[in-house]
């Protein structure tokens, strides 16, 4: 399937991917709840932004490459702003009520409910294509 195994050093609640996804989804809800961005813009920021580089390298390598002195330099430069952001993200936004209704209504404007299965199949084909491309890139460009 083109997936890579991950070794867990100890048992934790949830899968690693779920643990990454949960705070991202919470921030997505928070941004919409605060009126900072629409659901469509939040989706676009993720799909056209950070996920581009995260599709082939992880957060530690991103940091290592984003500062002239590597990851130690990145940590020194950006820990403060990341701490400030994290502190502003402590309050959880409920995934229910008017906010959920708004997000669902906005999603239905973009994609009709009866088209969800078709879109999921489109997504899966894209993921298969990305896996093929990543394999080709590893073999052609290098790891």
N, C-alpha and C. Protein backbone atom coordinates (compact mmCIF):
# COMPACT_ATOMS: atom_id res chain seq x y z
N UNK A 1 0.81 -1.20 0.00
CA UNK A 1 0.00 0.00 0.00
C UNK A 1 0.85 1.25 0.00
N UNK A 2 2.15 1.11 0.13
CA UNK A 2 3.02 2.28 0.11
C UNK A 2 3.08 3.02 1.43
N UNK A 3 2.60 2.39 2.50
CA UNK A 3 2.65 3.04 3.81
C UNK A 3 3.92 2.63 4.54
N UNK A 4 4.34 3.50 5.45
CA UNK A 4 5.56 3.22 6.21
C UNK A 4 5.19 2.86 7.64
N UNK A 5 5.83 1.83 8.20
CA UNK A 5 5.53 1.45 9.58
C UNK A 5 6.06 2.49 10.57
N UNK A 6 5.37 2.63 11.67
CA UNK A 6 5.77 3.52 12.76
C UNK A 6 5.88 2.67 14.02
N UNK A 7 6.99 2.79 14.73
CA UNK A 7 7.19 2.06 15.97
C UNK A 7 6.80 2.94 17.15
N UNK A 8 5.88 2.46 17.96
CA UNK A 8 5.50 3.17 19.18
C UNK A 8 6.36 2.65 20.32
N UNK A 9 6.94 3.54 21.08
CA UNK A 9 7.78 3.14 22.20
C UNK A 9 6.98 2.84 23.45
N UNK A 10 5.74 3.33 23.49
CA UNK A 10 4.83 2.98 24.58
C UNK A 10 3.41 3.22 24.12
N UNK A 11 2.47 2.62 24.81
CA UNK A 11 1.06 2.73 24.45
C UNK A 11 0.50 4.08 24.88
N UNK A 12 -0.32 4.67 24.00
CA UNK A 12 -1.00 5.93 24.30
C UNK A 12 -2.44 5.82 23.77
N UNK A 13 -3.28 6.73 24.22
CA UNK A 13 -4.65 6.78 23.72
C UNK A 13 -4.64 7.34 22.30
N UNK A 14 -5.31 6.69 21.39
CA UNK A 14 -5.43 7.18 20.03
C UNK A 14 -4.24 6.79 19.17
N UNK A 15 -4.45 6.89 17.87
CA UNK A 15 -3.38 6.66 16.91
C UNK A 15 -2.55 7.94 16.79
N UNK A 16 -1.31 7.83 16.35
CA UNK A 16 -0.47 9.02 16.20
C UNK A 16 -1.15 10.02 15.26
N UNK A 17 -1.67 9.55 14.14
CA UNK A 17 -2.31 10.46 13.20
C UNK A 17 -3.53 11.14 13.83
N UNK A 18 -4.30 10.41 14.63
CA UNK A 18 -5.45 11.02 15.31
C UNK A 18 -5.00 12.09 16.29
N UNK A 19 -3.87 11.86 16.91
CA UNK A 19 -3.35 12.84 17.88
C UNK A 19 -2.86 14.11 17.17
N UNK A 20 -2.38 13.99 15.94
CA UNK A 20 -2.05 15.18 15.15
C UNK A 20 -3.33 15.86 14.65
N UNK A 21 -4.27 15.05 14.21
CA UNK A 21 -5.48 15.59 13.60
C UNK A 21 -6.36 16.33 14.62
N UNK A 22 -6.43 15.85 15.85
CA UNK A 22 -7.33 16.45 16.85
C UNK A 22 -7.05 17.94 17.09
N UNK A 23 -5.80 18.34 17.36
CA UNK A 23 -5.57 19.77 17.58
C UNK A 23 -5.73 20.60 16.31
N UNK A 24 -5.47 20.02 15.15
CA UNK A 24 -5.68 20.75 13.90
C UNK A 24 -7.17 21.01 13.70
N UNK A 25 -7.99 19.99 13.92
CA UNK A 25 -9.44 20.18 13.80
C UNK A 25 -9.95 21.17 14.83
N UNK A 26 -9.43 21.10 16.06
CA UNK A 26 -9.87 22.04 17.09
C UNK A 26 -9.53 23.47 16.68
N UNK A 27 -8.36 23.68 16.12
CA UNK A 27 -7.99 25.03 15.67
C UNK A 27 -8.85 25.45 14.49
N UNK A 28 -9.19 24.53 13.61
CA UNK A 28 -10.07 24.85 12.49
C UNK A 28 -11.42 25.34 13.02
N UNK A 29 -11.98 24.63 13.99
CA UNK A 29 -13.24 25.07 14.61
C UNK A 29 -13.06 26.43 15.27
N UNK A 30 -11.96 26.61 15.99
CA UNK A 30 -11.70 27.87 16.69
C UNK A 30 -11.62 29.05 15.72
N UNK A 31 -10.94 28.87 14.60
CA UNK A 31 -10.81 29.94 13.61
C UNK A 31 -12.16 30.32 13.01
N UNK A 32 -12.99 29.32 12.74
CA UNK A 32 -14.32 29.61 12.19
C UNK A 32 -15.20 30.25 13.27
N UNK A 33 -15.15 29.72 14.49
CA UNK A 33 -15.97 30.26 15.59
C UNK A 33 -15.64 31.72 15.86
N UNK A 34 -14.37 32.08 15.74
CA UNK A 34 -13.93 33.45 16.02
C UNK A 34 -14.14 34.37 14.82
N UNK A 35 -14.61 33.82 13.71
CA UNK A 35 -14.83 34.64 12.53
C UNK A 35 -13.54 35.01 11.80
N UNK A 36 -12.46 34.32 12.11
CA UNK A 36 -11.17 34.61 11.48
C UNK A 36 -11.17 34.17 10.01
N UNK A 37 -11.78 33.02 9.73
CA UNK A 37 -11.78 32.48 8.37
C UNK A 37 -13.02 31.62 8.17
N UNK A 38 -13.40 31.46 6.92
CA UNK A 38 -14.52 30.59 6.58
C UNK A 38 -14.05 29.14 6.58
N UNK A 39 -14.98 28.18 6.65
CA UNK A 39 -14.56 26.78 6.52
C UNK A 39 -13.79 26.52 5.23
N UNK A 40 -14.21 27.14 4.13
CA UNK A 40 -13.52 26.94 2.85
C UNK A 40 -12.09 27.49 2.90
N UNK A 41 -11.91 28.65 3.53
CA UNK A 41 -10.56 29.21 3.63
C UNK A 41 -9.67 28.41 4.56
N UNK A 42 -10.24 27.87 5.63
CA UNK A 42 -9.47 26.99 6.52
C UNK A 42 -9.00 25.77 5.74
N UNK A 43 -9.92 25.15 4.97
CA UNK A 43 -9.55 24.00 4.15
C UNK A 43 -8.45 24.37 3.16
N UNK A 44 -8.60 25.52 2.52
CA UNK A 44 -7.61 25.96 1.53
C UNK A 44 -6.25 26.22 2.18
N UNK A 45 -6.25 26.83 3.36
CA UNK A 45 -4.98 27.10 4.05
C UNK A 45 -4.23 25.80 4.34
N UNK A 46 -4.97 24.76 4.69
CA UNK A 46 -4.33 23.48 4.98
C UNK A 46 -3.91 22.78 3.68
N UNK A 47 -4.84 22.66 2.72
CA UNK A 47 -4.56 21.87 1.52
C UNK A 47 -3.55 22.54 0.59
N UNK A 48 -3.53 23.86 0.56
CA UNK A 48 -2.62 24.57 -0.34
C UNK A 48 -1.40 25.13 0.40
N UNK A 49 -1.38 24.98 1.72
CA UNK A 49 -0.29 25.53 2.52
C UNK A 49 0.61 24.46 3.08
N UNK A 50 0.52 24.31 4.39
CA UNK A 50 1.49 23.46 5.09
C UNK A 50 1.44 21.99 4.66
N UNK A 51 0.28 21.52 4.23
CA UNK A 51 0.22 20.11 3.84
C UNK A 51 1.07 19.82 2.61
N UNK A 52 1.36 20.85 1.83
CA UNK A 52 2.22 20.64 0.66
C UNK A 52 3.59 20.09 1.08
N UNK A 53 4.19 20.73 2.08
CA UNK A 53 5.51 20.23 2.51
C UNK A 53 5.36 19.04 3.43
N UNK A 54 4.29 19.00 4.22
CA UNK A 54 4.11 17.87 5.14
C UNK A 54 3.74 16.58 4.42
N UNK A 55 3.47 16.66 3.12
CA UNK A 55 3.16 15.43 2.39
C UNK A 55 4.42 14.61 2.11
N UNK A 56 5.59 15.23 2.26
CA UNK A 56 6.81 14.45 2.04
C UNK A 56 7.87 14.63 3.12
N UNK A 57 7.71 15.58 4.04
CA UNK A 57 8.61 15.67 5.19
C UNK A 57 7.77 16.05 6.41
N UNK A 58 8.25 15.69 7.58
CA UNK A 58 7.50 15.92 8.81
C UNK A 58 7.87 17.23 9.49
N UNK A 59 7.22 17.52 10.61
CA UNK A 59 7.39 18.82 11.26
C UNK A 59 8.81 19.10 11.76
N UNK A 60 9.52 18.07 12.21
CA UNK A 60 10.89 18.32 12.67
C UNK A 60 11.82 18.63 11.50
N UNK A 61 11.65 17.93 10.39
CA UNK A 61 12.48 18.23 9.23
C UNK A 61 12.12 19.59 8.64
N UNK A 62 10.82 19.95 8.64
CA UNK A 62 10.42 21.28 8.19
C UNK A 62 11.18 22.34 8.99
N UNK A 63 11.17 22.20 10.32
CA UNK A 63 11.88 23.16 11.17
C UNK A 63 13.37 23.17 10.90
N UNK A 64 13.94 21.99 10.71
CA UNK A 64 15.37 21.86 10.45
C UNK A 64 15.77 22.62 9.19
N UNK A 65 14.88 22.59 8.19
CA UNK A 65 15.18 23.23 6.90
C UNK A 65 14.77 24.70 6.84
N UNK A 66 13.95 25.16 7.80
CA UNK A 66 13.41 26.52 7.75
C UNK A 66 14.22 27.55 8.53
N UNK A 67 15.35 27.18 9.06
CA UNK A 67 16.21 28.14 9.76
C UNK A 67 17.65 27.87 9.32
N UNK A 68 18.42 28.94 9.13
CA UNK A 68 19.79 28.77 8.64
C UNK A 68 20.65 27.85 9.50
N UNK A 69 20.41 27.84 10.82
CA UNK A 69 21.22 27.01 11.71
C UNK A 69 20.56 25.70 12.08
N UNK A 70 19.60 25.23 11.28
CA UNK A 70 18.96 23.95 11.55
C UNK A 70 17.91 24.04 12.65
N UNK A 71 17.57 22.88 13.20
CA UNK A 71 16.44 22.83 14.13
C UNK A 71 16.70 23.58 15.43
N UNK A 72 17.93 23.56 15.92
CA UNK A 72 18.22 24.31 17.16
C UNK A 72 17.96 25.80 16.93
N UNK A 73 18.35 26.30 15.78
CA UNK A 73 18.10 27.70 15.41
C UNK A 73 16.60 27.96 15.28
N UNK A 74 15.90 27.03 14.64
CA UNK A 74 14.45 27.14 14.48
C UNK A 74 13.77 27.23 15.85
N UNK A 75 14.16 26.34 16.76
CA UNK A 75 13.57 26.34 18.10
C UNK A 75 13.85 27.66 18.82
N UNK A 76 15.06 28.17 18.72
CA UNK A 76 15.41 29.43 19.37
C UNK A 76 14.60 30.59 18.79
N UNK A 77 14.41 30.58 17.48
CA UNK A 77 13.69 31.67 16.81
C UNK A 77 12.18 31.63 17.07
N UNK A 78 11.61 30.43 17.11
CA UNK A 78 10.15 30.32 17.02
C UNK A 78 9.46 29.73 18.25
N UNK A 79 10.21 29.34 19.26
CA UNK A 79 9.54 28.79 20.44
C UNK A 79 8.62 29.81 21.08
N UNK A 80 9.06 31.06 21.18
CA UNK A 80 8.25 32.09 21.82
C UNK A 80 6.91 32.29 21.15
N UNK A 81 6.90 32.46 19.84
CA UNK A 81 5.64 32.67 19.13
C UNK A 81 4.77 31.43 19.20
N UNK A 82 5.39 30.25 19.13
CA UNK A 82 4.61 29.02 19.23
C UNK A 82 4.02 28.84 20.62
N UNK A 83 4.74 29.26 21.66
CA UNK A 83 4.21 29.21 23.02
C UNK A 83 3.01 30.14 23.13
N UNK A 84 3.13 31.36 22.58
CA UNK A 84 2.03 32.32 22.61
C UNK A 84 0.81 31.76 21.88
N UNK A 85 1.04 31.19 20.70
CA UNK A 85 -0.07 30.58 19.95
C UNK A 85 -0.71 29.44 20.74
N UNK A 86 0.11 28.59 21.33
CA UNK A 86 -0.42 27.46 22.10
C UNK A 86 -1.27 27.93 23.27
N UNK A 87 -0.83 28.99 23.93
CA UNK A 87 -1.61 29.50 25.06
C UNK A 87 -2.96 30.05 24.58
N UNK A 88 -3.00 30.61 23.39
CA UNK A 88 -4.27 31.13 22.87
C UNK A 88 -5.17 30.02 22.35
N UNK A 89 -4.65 28.79 22.30
CA UNK A 89 -5.42 27.67 21.77
C UNK A 89 -5.90 26.71 22.86
N UNK A 90 -5.86 27.14 24.11
CA UNK A 90 -6.21 26.24 25.20
C UNK A 90 -7.71 26.01 25.35
N UNK A 91 -8.50 27.02 25.06
CA UNK A 91 -9.94 26.87 25.21
C UNK A 91 -10.50 26.04 24.07
N UNK A 92 -11.21 24.99 24.43
CA UNK A 92 -11.78 24.11 23.41
C UNK A 92 -13.10 24.69 22.92
N UNK A 93 -13.32 24.58 21.62
CA UNK A 93 -14.56 25.02 21.00
C UNK A 93 -15.43 23.78 20.80
N UNK A 94 -16.68 23.81 21.28
CA UNK A 94 -17.55 22.64 21.09
C UNK A 94 -17.84 22.38 19.62
N UNK A 95 -17.89 21.14 19.26
CA UNK A 95 -18.19 20.75 17.89
C UNK A 95 -19.68 20.48 17.75
N UNK A 96 -20.50 21.41 18.17
CA UNK A 96 -21.95 21.22 18.15
C UNK A 96 -22.63 22.58 18.07
N UNK A 97 -23.96 22.54 17.97
CA UNK A 97 -24.75 23.77 18.02
C UNK A 97 -24.61 24.61 16.76
N UNK A 98 -24.79 25.93 16.92
CA UNK A 98 -24.77 26.83 15.76
C UNK A 98 -23.47 26.78 14.95
N UNK A 99 -22.33 26.59 15.62
CA UNK A 99 -21.06 26.52 14.88
C UNK A 99 -21.05 25.32 13.95
N UNK A 100 -21.44 24.17 14.47
CA UNK A 100 -21.50 22.97 13.63
C UNK A 100 -22.49 23.17 12.49
N UNK A 101 -23.65 23.74 12.79
CA UNK A 101 -24.65 23.99 11.75
C UNK A 101 -24.07 24.89 10.65
N UNK A 102 -23.32 25.91 11.05
CA UNK A 102 -22.70 26.83 10.08
C UNK A 102 -21.69 26.08 9.20
N UNK A 103 -20.84 25.29 9.83
CA UNK A 103 -19.81 24.56 9.07
C UNK A 103 -20.46 23.58 8.10
N UNK A 104 -21.47 22.85 8.58
CA UNK A 104 -22.16 21.89 7.71
C UNK A 104 -22.83 22.62 6.55
N UNK A 105 -23.50 23.74 6.84
CA UNK A 105 -24.15 24.51 5.77
C UNK A 105 -23.13 25.00 4.74
N UNK A 106 -21.99 25.47 5.20
CA UNK A 106 -20.95 25.92 4.27
C UNK A 106 -20.41 24.76 3.45
N UNK A 107 -20.22 23.61 4.06
CA UNK A 107 -19.73 22.44 3.33
C UNK A 107 -20.74 22.00 2.28
N UNK A 108 -22.03 22.04 2.62
CA UNK A 108 -23.06 21.62 1.66
C UNK A 108 -23.16 22.59 0.49
N UNK A 109 -22.76 23.85 0.68
CA UNK A 109 -22.70 24.79 -0.46
C UNK A 109 -21.61 24.36 -1.44
N UNK A 110 -20.54 23.80 -0.91
CA UNK A 110 -19.40 23.38 -1.72
C UNK A 110 -19.61 21.99 -2.29
N UNK A 111 -20.21 21.10 -1.50
CA UNK A 111 -20.36 19.70 -1.90
C UNK A 111 -21.69 19.17 -1.38
N UNK A 112 -22.58 18.84 -2.30
CA UNK A 112 -23.89 18.29 -1.92
C UNK A 112 -23.70 16.97 -1.18
N UNK A 113 -24.59 16.72 -0.22
CA UNK A 113 -24.51 15.51 0.60
C UNK A 113 -24.46 14.25 -0.26
N UNK A 114 -25.25 14.22 -1.34
CA UNK A 114 -25.29 13.02 -2.17
C UNK A 114 -24.03 12.83 -3.02
N UNK A 115 -23.10 13.78 -2.95
CA UNK A 115 -21.83 13.68 -3.68
C UNK A 115 -20.66 13.29 -2.78
N UNK A 116 -20.92 13.06 -1.48
CA UNK A 116 -19.84 12.75 -0.54
C UNK A 116 -19.07 11.48 -0.94
N UNK A 117 -19.78 10.42 -1.28
CA UNK A 117 -19.12 9.16 -1.64
C UNK A 117 -18.24 9.35 -2.89
N UNK A 118 -18.78 10.05 -3.87
CA UNK A 118 -18.02 10.31 -5.10
C UNK A 118 -16.75 11.11 -4.79
N UNK A 119 -16.87 12.11 -3.92
CA UNK A 119 -15.71 12.93 -3.56
C UNK A 119 -14.70 12.11 -2.76
N UNK A 120 -15.17 11.22 -1.89
CA UNK A 120 -14.26 10.35 -1.13
C UNK A 120 -13.48 9.45 -2.08
N UNK A 121 -14.13 8.96 -3.13
CA UNK A 121 -13.43 8.14 -4.12
C UNK A 121 -12.40 8.97 -4.87
N UNK A 122 -12.75 10.22 -5.19
CA UNK A 122 -11.79 11.15 -5.81
C UNK A 122 -10.58 11.32 -4.90
N UNK A 123 -10.84 11.57 -3.60
CA UNK A 123 -9.74 11.74 -2.64
C UNK A 123 -8.85 10.50 -2.62
N UNK A 124 -9.46 9.33 -2.59
CA UNK A 124 -8.68 8.09 -2.52
C UNK A 124 -7.82 7.91 -3.78
N UNK A 125 -8.36 8.27 -4.94
CA UNK A 125 -7.55 8.20 -6.17
C UNK A 125 -6.37 9.17 -6.11
N UNK A 126 -6.62 10.36 -5.57
CA UNK A 126 -5.54 11.35 -5.41
C UNK A 126 -4.47 10.83 -4.45
N UNK A 127 -4.90 10.20 -3.36
CA UNK A 127 -3.94 9.63 -2.41
C UNK A 127 -3.11 8.53 -3.06
N UNK A 128 -3.75 7.70 -3.87
CA UNK A 128 -3.01 6.66 -4.58
C UNK A 128 -2.01 7.28 -5.55
N UNK A 129 -2.43 8.33 -6.24
CA UNK A 129 -1.52 9.03 -7.15
C UNK A 129 -0.36 9.67 -6.41
N UNK A 130 -0.64 10.24 -5.25
CA UNK A 130 0.42 10.84 -4.44
C UNK A 130 1.40 9.76 -3.97
N UNK A 131 0.89 8.61 -3.58
CA UNK A 131 1.77 7.51 -3.15
C UNK A 131 2.67 7.08 -4.30
N UNK A 132 2.12 6.98 -5.50
CA UNK A 132 2.92 6.61 -6.67
C UNK A 132 3.97 7.68 -6.93
N UNK A 133 3.58 8.94 -6.86
CA UNK A 133 4.53 10.03 -7.08
C UNK A 133 5.64 10.01 -6.04
N UNK A 134 5.28 9.82 -4.76
CA UNK A 134 6.29 9.81 -3.70
C UNK A 134 7.28 8.66 -3.91
N UNK A 135 6.79 7.51 -4.33
CA UNK A 135 7.68 6.37 -4.62
C UNK A 135 8.61 6.74 -5.78
N UNK A 136 8.03 7.30 -6.84
CA UNK A 136 8.85 7.71 -7.99
C UNK A 136 9.90 8.74 -7.54
N UNK A 137 9.49 9.72 -6.73
CA UNK A 137 10.41 10.78 -6.28
C UNK A 137 11.53 10.20 -5.43
N UNK A 138 11.19 9.26 -4.53
CA UNK A 138 12.25 8.62 -3.71
C UNK A 138 13.27 7.94 -4.60
N UNK A 139 12.76 7.21 -5.61
CA UNK A 139 13.66 6.45 -6.49
C UNK A 139 14.41 7.32 -7.47
N UNK A 140 13.84 8.45 -7.87
CA UNK A 140 14.43 9.32 -8.89
C UNK A 140 15.20 10.48 -8.30
N UNK A 141 14.61 11.16 -7.34
CA UNK A 141 15.20 12.36 -6.74
C UNK A 141 16.00 12.00 -5.49
N UNK A 142 15.56 10.98 -4.79
CA UNK A 142 16.22 10.54 -3.56
C UNK A 142 15.35 10.82 -2.35
N UNK A 143 15.68 10.15 -1.27
CA UNK A 143 14.87 10.25 -0.04
C UNK A 143 14.94 11.62 0.57
